[in-house]
């Protein structure tokens, strides 16, 4: 794997972690149950993607 490819993977994993933290932060602020459910589903899907991507390494 080239240095550029490794940097891309590192960047992608960093973005996924940032998104996860923002989902958790948003969940703490939401009052609407439907919106909370939507954000929880996005966070779960993001976690699955992160795990899949990480397992490729």
C-alpha atoms as a PDB file:
ATOM      1  CA  UNK A   1       0.000   0.000   0.000  1.00  0.00           C
ATOM      2  CA  UNK A   2       1.371   3.401  -0.913  1.00  0.00           C
ATOM      3  CA  UNK A   3       1.852   6.306   1.457  1.00  0.00           C
ATOM      4  CA  UNK A   4      -0.901   8.215  -0.313  1.00  0.00           C
ATOM      5  CA  UNK A   5      -3.333   5.302   0.124  1.00  0.00           C
ATOM      6  CA  UNK A   6      -2.497   5.035   3.819  1.00  0.00           C
ATOM      7  CA  UNK A   7      -3.074   8.762   4.259  1.00  0.00           C
ATOM      8  CA  UNK A   8      -6.433   8.440   2.536  1.00  0.00           C
ATOM      9  CA  UNK A   9      -7.450   5.611   4.864  1.00  0.00           C
ATOM     10  CA  UNK A  10      -6.311   7.560   7.908  1.00  0.00           C
ATOM     11  CA  UNK A  11      -8.305  10.575   6.730  1.00  0.00           C
ATOM     12  CA  UNK A  12     -11.426   8.508   6.050  1.00  0.00           C
ATOM     13  CA  UNK A  13     -11.273   6.864   9.485  1.00  0.00           C
ATOM     14  CA  UNK A  14     -10.800  10.279  11.086  1.00  0.00           C
ATOM     15  CA  UNK A  15     -13.872  11.618   9.308  1.00  0.00           C
ATOM     16  CA  UNK A  16     -15.911   8.631  10.445  1.00  0.00           C
ATOM     17  CA  UNK A  17     -14.836   9.161  14.056  1.00  0.00           C
ATOM     18  CA  UNK A  18     -15.667  12.872  13.840  1.00  0.00           C
ATOM     19  CA  UNK A  19     -19.110  12.089  12.414  1.00  0.00           C
ATOM     20  CA  UNK A  20     -19.715   9.604  15.235  1.00  0.00           C
ATOM     21  CA  UNK A  21     -18.816  12.183  17.865  1.00  0.00           C
ATOM     22  CA  UNK A  22     -21.127  14.755  16.259  1.00  0.00           C
ATOM     23  CA  UNK A  23     -23.977  12.237  16.202  1.00  0.00           C
ATOM     24  CA  UNK A  24     -23.510  11.586  19.917  1.00  0.00           C
ATOM     25  CA  UNK A  25     -23.359  15.309  20.642  1.00  0.00           C
ATOM     26  CA  UNK A  26     -26.512  15.912  18.612  1.00  0.00           C
ATOM     27  CA  UNK A  27     -28.375  13.087  20.319  1.00  0.00           C
ATOM     28  CA  UNK A  28     -27.848  14.823  23.641  1.00  0.00           C
ATOM     29  CA  UNK A  29     -29.456  17.990  22.314  1.00  0.00           C
ATOM     30  CA  UNK A  30     -32.457  16.639  20.432  1.00  0.00           C
ATOM     31  CA  UNK A  31     -35.924  16.582  21.942  1.00  0.00           C
ATOM     32  CA  UNK A  32     -37.883  15.167  18.996  1.00  0.00           C
ATOM     33  CA  UNK A  33     -38.112  11.360  19.198  1.00  0.00           C
ATOM     34  CA  UNK A  34     -38.251  10.892  15.416  1.00  0.00           C
ATOM     35  CA  UNK A  35     -35.122  12.983  14.897  1.00  0.00           C
ATOM     36  CA  UNK A  36     -33.336  11.105  17.670  1.00  0.00           C
ATOM     37  CA  UNK A  37     -34.213   7.810  16.006  1.00  0.00           C
ATOM     38  CA  UNK A  38     -32.916   9.097  12.669  1.00  0.00           C
ATOM     39  CA  UNK A  39     -29.607  10.262  14.172  1.00  0.00           C
ATOM     40  CA  UNK A  40     -29.233   6.987  16.091  1.00  0.00           C
ATOM     41  CA  UNK A  41     -29.699   5.039  12.857  1.00  0.00           C
ATOM     42  CA  UNK A  42     -27.125   7.220  11.091  1.00  0.00           C
ATOM     43  CA  UNK A  43     -24.680   6.689  13.952  1.00  0.00           C
ATOM     44  CA  UNK A  44     -25.204   2.911  13.845  1.00  0.00           C
ATOM     45  CA  UNK A  45     -24.721   2.790  10.070  1.00  0.00           C
ATOM     46  CA  UNK A  46     -21.609   4.939  10.378  1.00  0.00           C
ATOM     47  CA  UNK A  47     -20.237   2.584  13.044  1.00  0.00           C
ATOM     48  CA  UNK A  48     -20.844  -0.408  10.769  1.00  0.00           C
ATOM     49  CA  UNK A  49     -19.045   1.320   7.912  1.00  0.00           C
ATOM     50  CA  UNK A  50     -16.159   2.266  10.203  1.00  0.00           C
ATOM     51  CA  UNK A  51     -15.821  -1.308  11.456  1.00  0.00           C
ATOM     52  CA  UNK A  52     -15.960  -2.718   7.926  1.00  0.00           C
ATOM     53  CA  UNK A  53     -13.377  -0.253   6.697  1.00  0.00           C
ATOM     54  CA  UNK A  54     -11.126  -0.819   9.703  1.00  0.00           C
ATOM     55  CA  UNK A  55     -11.330  -4.602   9.305  1.00  0.00           C
ATOM     56  CA  UNK A  56      -9.913  -4.290   5.801  1.00  0.00           C
ATOM     57  CA  UNK A  57      -6.679  -3.114   7.340  1.00  0.00           C
END
